[in-house]
Amino acid sequence: MKSFTYERATSPEAAAAAAQAKPGAKFIAGGTNLLDLMKLQIETPLHLIEIRQHRATQHGACNCRASMEVSPILKLACG
C-alpha cells in the first residue's frame, strides 16, 4: 500500500473543501472497500477524507413493513 494522508471532516462543507484542496483525494465512510483496493494498488489516493460521522449522511428512514429509503452512506439497520 502506498502512503497517504488522512483527515476527518467536521461537516459536509469541510469535506467538500478538503477534496477541492487536495486533488486526487477520496472520501471514505463505513461499508467501503476502498482500503482493500488500496492494498491491491487498484486505487492509490494520496489523501483520504473520513465522512462517516456527518449528521447529514445519516439521514434515511426505515419502515420494514412497507419500504426502505437509504442514503448511500447510511448504515443498514432495521429490526
PDB file of N, CA and C in Angstrom:
ATOM      1  N   MET A   1       0.849  -1.174   0.000  1.00  0.00           N
ATOM      2  CA  MET A   1       0.000   0.000   0.000  1.00  0.00           C
ATOM      3  C   MET A   1       0.894   1.236   0.000  1.00  0.00           C
ATOM      4  N   LYS A   2       0.541   2.194  -0.823  1.00  0.00           N
ATOM      5  CA  LYS A   2       1.280   3.449  -0.874  1.00  0.00           C
ATOM      6  C   LYS A   2       0.860   4.345   0.288  1.00  0.00           C
ATOM      7  N   SER A   3       1.761   5.211   0.704  1.00  0.00           N
ATOM      8  CA  SER A   3       1.437   6.101   1.821  1.00  0.00           C
ATOM      9  C   SER A   3       0.397   7.138   1.393  1.00  0.00           C
ATOM     10  N   PHE A   4      -0.366   7.606   2.377  1.00  0.00           N
ATOM     11  CA  PHE A   4      -1.419   8.584   2.136  1.00  0.00           C
ATOM     12  C   PHE A   4      -1.628   9.399   3.401  1.00  0.00           C
ATOM     13  N   THR A   5      -2.292  10.525   3.267  1.00  0.00           N
ATOM     14  CA  THR A   5      -2.671  11.326   4.429  1.00  0.00           C
ATOM     15  C   THR A   5      -4.158  11.121   4.676  1.00  0.00           C
ATOM     16  N   TYR A   6      -4.594  11.466   5.877  1.00  0.00           N
ATOM     17  CA  TYR A   6      -5.960  11.199   6.314  1.00  0.00           C
ATOM     18  C   TYR A   6      -6.467  12.373   7.133  1.00  0.00           C
ATOM     19  N   GLU A   7      -7.737  12.680   6.955  1.00  0.00           N
ATOM     20  CA  GLU A   7      -8.376  13.662   7.829  1.00  0.00           C
ATOM     21  C   GLU A   7      -9.841  13.301   8.004  1.00  0.00           C
ATOM     22  N   ARG A   8     -10.390  13.704   9.125  1.00  0.00           N
ATOM     23  CA  ARG A   8     -11.815  13.516   9.387  1.00  0.00           C
ATOM     24  C   ARG A   8     -12.481  14.875   9.249  1.00  0.00           C
ATOM     25  N   ALA A   9     -13.326  15.026   8.265  1.00  0.00           N
ATOM     26  CA  ALA A   9     -14.009  16.295   8.041  1.00  0.00           C
ATOM     27  C   ALA A   9     -15.064  16.508   9.117  1.00  0.00           C
ATOM     28  N   THR A  10     -15.251  17.761   9.511  1.00  0.00           N
ATOM     29  CA  THR A  10     -16.201  18.080  10.571  1.00  0.00           C
ATOM     30  C   THR A  10     -17.593  18.407  10.053  1.00  0.00           C
ATOM     31  N   SER A  11     -17.736  18.558   8.745  1.00  0.00           N
ATOM     32  CA  SER A  11     -19.034  18.864   8.145  1.00  0.00           C
ATOM     33  C   SER A  11     -18.977  18.508   6.660  1.00  0.00           C
ATOM     34  N   PRO A  12     -20.122  18.410   6.017  1.00  0.00           N
ATOM     35  CA  PRO A  12     -20.103  18.175   4.574  1.00  0.00           C
ATOM     36  C   PRO A  12     -19.374  19.283   3.814  1.00  0.00           C
ATOM     37  N   GLU A  13     -19.522  20.517   4.280  1.00  0.00           N
ATOM     38  CA  GLU A  13     -18.833  21.630   3.637  1.00  0.00           C
ATOM     39  C   GLU A  13     -17.318  21.500   3.777  1.00  0.00           C
ATOM     40  N   ALA A  14     -16.875  21.094   4.965  1.00  0.00           N
ATOM     41  CA  ALA A  14     -15.436  20.896   5.195  1.00  0.00           C
ATOM     42  C   ALA A  14     -14.905  19.750   4.339  1.00  0.00           C
ATOM     43  N   ALA A  15     -15.705  18.708   4.164  1.00  0.00           N
ATOM     44  CA  ALA A  15     -15.291  17.577   3.322  1.00  0.00           C
ATOM     45  C   ALA A  15     -15.135  18.025   1.875  1.00  0.00           C
ATOM     46  N   ALA A  16     -16.083  18.815   1.391  1.00  0.00           N
ATOM     47  CA  ALA A  16     -16.007  19.311   0.015  1.00  0.00           C
ATOM     48  C   ALA A  16     -14.798  20.223  -0.166  1.00  0.00           C
ATOM     49  N   ALA A  17     -14.545  21.079   0.811  1.00  0.00           N
ATOM     50  CA  ALA A  17     -13.400  21.986   0.734  1.00  0.00           C
ATOM     51  C   ALA A  17     -12.089  21.203   0.749  1.00  0.00           C
ATOM     52  N   ALA A  18     -12.017  20.173   1.597  1.00  0.00           N
ATOM     53  CA  ALA A  18     -10.806  19.355   1.673  1.00  0.00           C
ATOM     54  C   ALA A  18     -10.561  18.622   0.353  1.00  0.00           C
ATOM     55  N   ALA A  19     -11.623  18.108  -0.249  1.00  0.00           N
ATOM     56  CA  ALA A  19     -11.482  17.400  -1.525  1.00  0.00           C
ATOM     57  C   ALA A  19     -11.035  18.351  -2.637  1.00  0.00           C
ATOM     58  N   GLN A  20     -11.538  19.563  -2.593  1.00  0.00           N
ATOM     59  CA  GLN A  20     -11.154  20.544  -3.605  1.00  0.00           C
ATOM     60  C   GLN A  20      -9.697  20.978  -3.415  1.00  0.00           C
ATOM     61  N   ALA A  21      -9.256  21.049  -2.164  1.00  0.00           N
ATOM     62  CA  ALA A  21      -7.891  21.487  -1.871  1.00  0.00           C
ATOM     63  C   ALA A  21      -6.851  20.405  -2.140  1.00  0.00           C
ATOM     64  N   LYS A  22      -7.259  19.153  -2.138  1.00  0.00           N
ATOM     65  CA  LYS A  22      -6.331  18.029  -2.319  1.00  0.00           C
ATOM     66  C   LYS A  22      -6.736  17.214  -3.547  1.00  0.00           C
ATOM     67  N   PRO A  23      -6.215  17.553  -4.723  1.00  0.00           N
ATOM     68  CA  PRO A  23      -6.553  16.786  -5.925  1.00  0.00           C
ATOM     69  C   PRO A  23      -6.232  15.300  -5.740  1.00  0.00           C
ATOM     70  N   GLY A  24      -7.131  14.461  -6.183  1.00  0.00           N
ATOM     71  CA  GLY A  24      -6.927  13.021  -6.059  1.00  0.00           C
ATOM     72  C   GLY A  24      -7.395  12.450  -4.736  1.00  0.00           C
ATOM     73  N   ALA A  25      -7.988  13.280  -3.875  1.00  0.00           N
ATOM     74  CA  ALA A  25      -8.495  12.800  -2.591  1.00  0.00           C
ATOM     75  C   ALA A  25      -9.716  11.917  -2.820  1.00  0.00           C
ATOM     76  N   LYS A  26      -9.934  10.983  -1.898  1.00  0.00           N
ATOM     77  CA  LYS A  26     -11.103  10.100  -1.944  1.00  0.00           C
ATOM     78  C   LYS A  26     -11.829  10.194  -0.614  1.00  0.00           C
ATOM     79  N   PHE A  27     -13.144  10.056  -0.667  1.00  0.00           N
ATOM     80  CA  PHE A  27     -13.952  10.007   0.546  1.00  0.00           C
ATOM     81  C   PHE A  27     -14.001   8.572   1.039  1.00  0.00           C
ATOM     82  N   ILE A  28     -14.019   8.422   2.365  1.00  0.00           N
ATOM     83  CA  ILE A  28     -14.143   7.087   2.950  1.00  0.00           C
ATOM     84  C   ILE A  28     -15.196   7.161   4.055  1.00  0.00           C
ATOM     85  N   ALA A  29     -16.011   6.113   4.116  1.00  0.00           N
ATOM     86  CA  ALA A  29     -17.068   6.036   5.122  1.00  0.00           C
ATOM     87  C   ALA A  29     -17.295   4.569   5.456  1.00  0.00           C
ATOM     88  N   GLY A  30     -18.164   4.299   6.397  1.00  0.00           N
ATOM     89  CA  GLY A  30     -18.436   2.922   6.769  1.00  0.00           C
ATOM     90  C   GLY A  30     -18.943   2.104   5.597  1.00  0.00           C
ATOM     91  N   GLY A  31     -18.525   0.863   5.519  1.00  0.00           N
ATOM     92  CA  GLY A  31     -19.015  -0.036   4.488  1.00  0.00           C
ATOM     93  C   GLY A  31     -18.280   0.032   3.166  1.00  0.00           C
ATOM     94  N   THR A  32     -17.219   0.789   3.095  1.00  0.00           N
ATOM     95  CA  THR A  32     -16.488   0.907   1.837  1.00  0.00           C
ATOM     96  C   THR A  32     -15.362  -0.114   1.763  1.00  0.00           C
ATOM     97  N   ASN A  33     -15.020  -0.522   0.574  1.00  0.00           N
ATOM     98  CA  ASN A  33     -13.893  -1.438   0.408  1.00  0.00           C
ATOM     99  C   ASN A  33     -12.692  -0.722  -0.204  1.00  0.00           C
ATOM    100  N   LEU A  34     -12.647   0.595  -0.059  1.00  0.00           N
ATOM    101  CA  LEU A  34     -11.549   1.374  -0.614  1.00  0.00           C
ATOM    102  C   LEU A  34     -10.200   0.922  -0.064  1.00  0.00           C
ATOM    103  N   LEU A  35     -10.131   0.624   1.217  1.00  0.00           N
ATOM    104  CA  LEU A  35      -8.854   0.196   1.792  1.00  0.00           C
ATOM    105  C   LEU A  35      -8.373  -1.114   1.173  1.00  0.00           C
ATOM    106  N   ASP A  36      -9.291  -2.019   0.887  1.00  0.00           N
ATOM    107  CA  ASP A  36      -8.913  -3.268   0.210  1.00  0.00           C
ATOM    108  C   ASP A  36      -8.340  -2.975  -1.172  1.00  0.00           C
ATOM    109  N   LEU A  37      -8.976  -2.057  -1.891  1.00  0.00           N
ATOM    110  CA  LEU A  37      -8.486  -1.684  -3.217  1.00  0.00           C
ATOM    111  C   LEU A  37      -7.136  -0.982  -3.134  1.00  0.00           C
ATOM    112  N   MET A  38      -6.924  -0.250  -2.055  1.00  0.00           N
ATOM    113  CA  MET A  38      -5.628   0.411  -1.865  1.00  0.00           C
ATOM    114  C   MET A  38      -4.531  -0.614  -1.596  1.00  0.00           C
ATOM    115  N   LYS A  39      -4.847  -1.636  -0.833  1.00  0.00           N
ATOM    116  CA  LYS A  39      -3.855  -2.684  -0.554  1.00  0.00           C
ATOM    117  C   LYS A  39      -3.406  -3.378  -1.830  1.00  0.00           C
ATOM    118  N   LEU A  40      -4.323  -3.528  -2.763  1.00  0.00           N
ATOM    119  CA  LEU A  40      -4.015  -4.166  -4.047  1.00  0.00           C
ATOM    120  C   LEU A  40      -3.473  -3.164  -5.071  1.00  0.00           C
ATOM    121  N   GLN A  41      -3.379  -1.914  -4.677  1.00  0.00           N
ATOM    122  CA  GLN A  41      -2.926  -0.801  -5.514  1.00  0.00           C
ATOM    123  C   GLN A  41      -3.794  -0.613  -6.756  1.00  0.00           C
ATOM    124  N   ILE A  42      -5.064  -0.955  -6.634  1.00  0.00           N
ATOM    125  CA  ILE A  42      -6.043  -0.661  -7.672  1.00  0.00           C
ATOM    126  C   ILE A  42      -6.452   0.806  -7.548  1.00  0.00           C
ATOM    127  N   GLU A  43      -6.625   1.248  -6.320  1.00  0.00           N
ATOM    128  CA  GLU A  43      -6.863   2.659  -6.004  1.00  0.00           C
ATOM    129  C   GLU A  43      -5.644   3.155  -5.239  1.00  0.00           C
ATOM    130  N   THR A  44      -5.157   4.337  -5.578  1.00  0.00           N
ATOM    131  CA  THR A  44      -3.971   4.879  -4.902  1.00  0.00           C
ATOM    132  C   THR A  44      -4.152   6.362  -4.579  1.00  0.00           C
ATOM    133  N   PRO A  45      -5.173   6.689  -3.769  1.00  0.00           N
ATOM    134  CA  PRO A  45      -5.365   8.095  -3.425  1.00  0.00           C
ATOM    135  C   PRO A  45      -4.223   8.596  -2.535  1.00  0.00           C
ATOM    136  N   LEU A  46      -3.924   9.860  -2.681  1.00  0.00           N
ATOM    137  CA  LEU A  46      -2.892  10.462  -1.837  1.00  0.00           C
ATOM    138  C   LEU A  46      -3.472  10.957  -0.525  1.00  0.00           C
ATOM    139  N   HIS A  47      -4.793  11.143  -0.483  1.00  0.00           N
ATOM    140  CA  HIS A  47      -5.437  11.705   0.709  1.00  0.00           C
ATOM    141  C   HIS A  47      -6.817  11.083   0.885  1.00  0.00           C
ATOM    142  N   LEU A  48      -7.157  10.693   2.112  1.00  0.00           N
ATOM    143  CA  LEU A  48      -8.482  10.163   2.433  1.00  0.00           C
ATOM    144  C   LEU A  48      -9.210  11.140   3.333  1.00  0.00           C
ATOM    145  N   ILE A  49     -10.493  11.323   3.062  1.00  0.00           N
ATOM    146  CA  ILE A  49     -11.326  12.214   3.860  1.00  0.00           C
ATOM    147  C   ILE A  49     -12.457  11.386   4.460  1.00  0.00           C
ATOM    148  N   GLU A  50     -12.440  11.245   5.778  1.00  0.00           N
ATOM    149  CA  GLU A  50     -13.457  10.469   6.501  1.00  0.00           C
ATOM    150  C   GLU A  50     -14.726  11.304   6.600  1.00  0.00           C
ATOM    151  N   ILE A  51     -15.857  10.731   6.192  1.00  0.00           N
ATOM    152  CA  ILE A  51     -17.136  11.442   6.271  1.00  0.00           C
ATOM    153  C   ILE A  51     -18.197  10.662   7.044  1.00  0.00           C
ATOM    154  N   ARG A  52     -17.813   9.597   7.687  1.00  0.00           N
ATOM    155  CA  ARG A  52     -18.774   8.717   8.353  1.00  0.00           C
ATOM    156  C   ARG A  52     -19.596   9.402   9.439  1.00  0.00           C
ATOM    157  N   GLN A  53     -19.046  10.309  10.181  1.00  0.00           N
ATOM    158  CA  GLN A  53     -19.722  10.887  11.334  1.00  0.00           C
ATOM    159  C   GLN A  53     -20.672  12.033  11.023  1.00  0.00           C
ATOM    160  N   HIS A  54     -20.815  12.413   9.770  1.00  0.00           N
ATOM    161  CA  HIS A  54     -21.666  13.550   9.444  1.00  0.00           C
ATOM    162  C   HIS A  54     -23.125  13.252   9.686  1.00  0.00           C
ATOM    163  N   ARG A  55     -23.757  14.147  10.386  1.00  0.00           N
ATOM    164  CA  ARG A  55     -25.189  14.021  10.613  1.00  0.00           C
ATOM    165  C   ARG A  55     -25.949  14.002   9.283  1.00  0.00           C
ATOM    166  N   ALA A  56     -25.488  14.795   8.329  1.00  0.00           N
ATOM    167  CA  ALA A  56     -26.159  14.872   7.031  1.00  0.00           C
ATOM    168  C   ALA A  56     -26.098  13.556   6.266  1.00  0.00           C
ATOM    169  N   THR A  57     -25.116  12.705   6.545  1.00  0.00           N
ATOM    170  CA  THR A  57     -25.007  11.442   5.828  1.00  0.00           C
ATOM    171  C   THR A  57     -25.756  10.319   6.536  1.00  0.00           C
ATOM    172  N   GLN A  58     -26.368  10.612   7.659  1.00  0.00           N
ATOM    173  CA  GLN A  58     -27.057   9.575   8.420  1.00  0.00           C
ATOM    174  C   GLN A  58     -28.567   9.652   8.261  1.00  0.00           C
ATOM    175  N   HIS A  59     -29.047  10.419   7.285  1.00  0.00           N
ATOM    176  CA  HIS A  59     -30.475  10.510   7.047  1.00  0.00           C
ATOM    177  C   HIS A  59     -30.969   9.276   6.313  1.00  0.00           C
ATOM    178  N   GLY A  60     -32.173   8.925   6.608  1.00  0.00           N
ATOM    179  CA  GLY A  60     -32.788   7.779   5.967  1.00  0.00           C
ATOM    180  C   GLY A  60     -33.942   7.339   6.841  1.00  0.00           C
ATOM    181  N   ALA A  61     -34.843   6.635   6.289  1.00  0.00           N
ATOM    182  CA  ALA A  61     -35.989   6.177   7.060  1.00  0.00           C
ATOM    183  C   ALA A  61     -36.134   4.689   6.855  1.00  0.00           C
ATOM    184  N   CYS A  62     -36.519   4.009   7.888  1.00  0.00           N
ATOM    185  CA  CYS A  62     -36.679   2.574   7.787  1.00  0.00           C
ATOM    186  C   CYS A  62     -38.063   2.178   8.275  1.00  0.00           C
ATOM    187  N   ASN A  63     -38.846   1.623   7.404  1.00  0.00           N
ATOM    188  CA  ASN A  63     -40.136   1.076   7.745  1.00  0.00           C
ATOM    189  C   ASN A  63     -40.167  -0.306   7.114  1.00  0.00           C
ATOM    190  N   CYS A  64     -39.808  -1.310   7.901  1.00  0.00           N
ATOM    191  CA  CYS A  64     -39.599  -2.649   7.350  1.00  0.00           C
ATOM    192  C   CYS A  64     -40.860  -3.283   6.784  1.00  0.00           C
ATOM    193  N   ARG A  65     -42.017  -2.862   7.236  1.00  0.00           N
ATOM    194  CA  ARG A  65     -43.240  -3.461   6.729  1.00  0.00           C
ATOM    195  C   ARG A  65     -43.638  -2.917   5.360  1.00  0.00           C
ATOM    196  N   ALA A  66     -43.134  -1.744   5.017  1.00  0.00           N
ATOM    197  CA  ALA A  66     -43.547  -1.154   3.745  1.00  0.00           C
ATOM    198  C   ALA A  66     -42.374  -0.993   2.793  1.00  0.00           C
ATOM    199  N   SER A  67     -41.475  -0.121   3.102  1.00  0.00           N
ATOM    200  CA  SER A  67     -40.354   0.135   2.210  1.00  0.00           C
ATOM    201  C   SER A  67     -39.188   0.703   3.002  1.00  0.00           C
ATOM    202  N   MET A  68     -38.087   0.882   2.323  1.00  0.00           N
ATOM    203  CA  MET A  68     -36.930   1.444   2.997  1.00  0.00           C
ATOM    204  C   MET A  68     -36.244   2.421   2.068  1.00  0.00           C
ATOM    205  N   GLU A  69     -35.952   3.600   2.591  1.00  0.00           N
ATOM    206  CA  GLU A  69     -35.224   4.618   1.857  1.00  0.00           C
ATOM    207  C   GLU A  69     -33.862   4.757   2.526  1.00  0.00           C
ATOM    208  N   VAL A  70     -32.805   4.644   1.742  1.00  0.00           N
ATOM    209  CA  VAL A  70     -31.462   4.617   2.313  1.00  0.00           C
ATOM    210  C   VAL A  70     -30.574   5.582   1.551  1.00  0.00           C
ATOM    211  N   SER A  71     -29.859   6.419   2.307  1.00  0.00           N
ATOM    212  CA  SER A  71     -28.857   7.262   1.651  1.00  0.00           C
ATOM    213  C   SER A  71     -27.632   6.405   1.420  1.00  0.00           C
ATOM    214  N   PRO A  72     -26.706   6.799   0.536  1.00  0.00           N
ATOM    215  CA  PRO A  72     -25.575   5.947   0.187  1.00  0.00           C
ATOM    216  C   PRO A  72     -24.652   5.593   1.350  1.00  0.00           C
ATOM    217  N   ILE A  73     -24.653   6.387   2.415  1.00  0.00           N
ATOM    218  CA  ILE A  73     -23.701   6.140   3.496  1.00  0.00           C
ATOM    219  C   ILE A  73     -24.402   5.651   4.771  1.00  0.00           C
ATOM    220  N   LEU A  74     -25.703   5.519   4.747  1.00  0.00           N
ATOM    221  CA  LEU A  74     -26.442   5.081   5.915  1.00  0.00           C
ATOM    222  C   LEU A  74     -26.100   3.640   6.263  1.00  0.00           C
ATOM    223  N   LYS A  75     -25.820   3.382   7.524  1.00  0.00           N
ATOM    224  CA  LYS A  75     -25.615   2.002   7.948  1.00  0.00           C
ATOM    225  C   LYS A  75     -26.972   1.309   7.963  1.00  0.00           C
ATOM    226  N   LEU A  76     -27.059   0.157   7.359  1.00  0.00           N
ATOM    227  CA  LEU A  76     -28.324  -0.544   7.267  1.00  0.00           C
ATOM    228  C   LEU A  76     -28.645  -1.234   8.586  1.00  0.00           C
ATOM    229  N   ALA A  77     -29.768  -0.859   9.141  1.00  0.00           N
ATOM    230  CA  ALA A  77     -30.240  -1.497  10.364  1.00  0.00           C
ATOM    231  C   ALA A  77     -31.743  -1.386  10.381  1.00  0.00           C
ATOM    232  N   CYS A  78     -32.398  -2.464  10.489  1.00  0.00           N
ATOM    233  CA  CYS A  78     -33.849  -2.462  10.522  1.00  0.00           C
ATOM    234  C   CYS A  78     -34.289  -3.655  11.355  1.00  0.00           C
ATOM    235  N   GLY A  79     -35.047  -3.402  12.343  1.00  0.00           N
ATOM    236  CA  GLY A  79     -35.415  -4.553  13.113  1.00  0.00           C
ATOM    237  C   GLY A  79     -36.294  -4.231  14.183  1.00  0.00           C
TER     238      GLY A  79
END
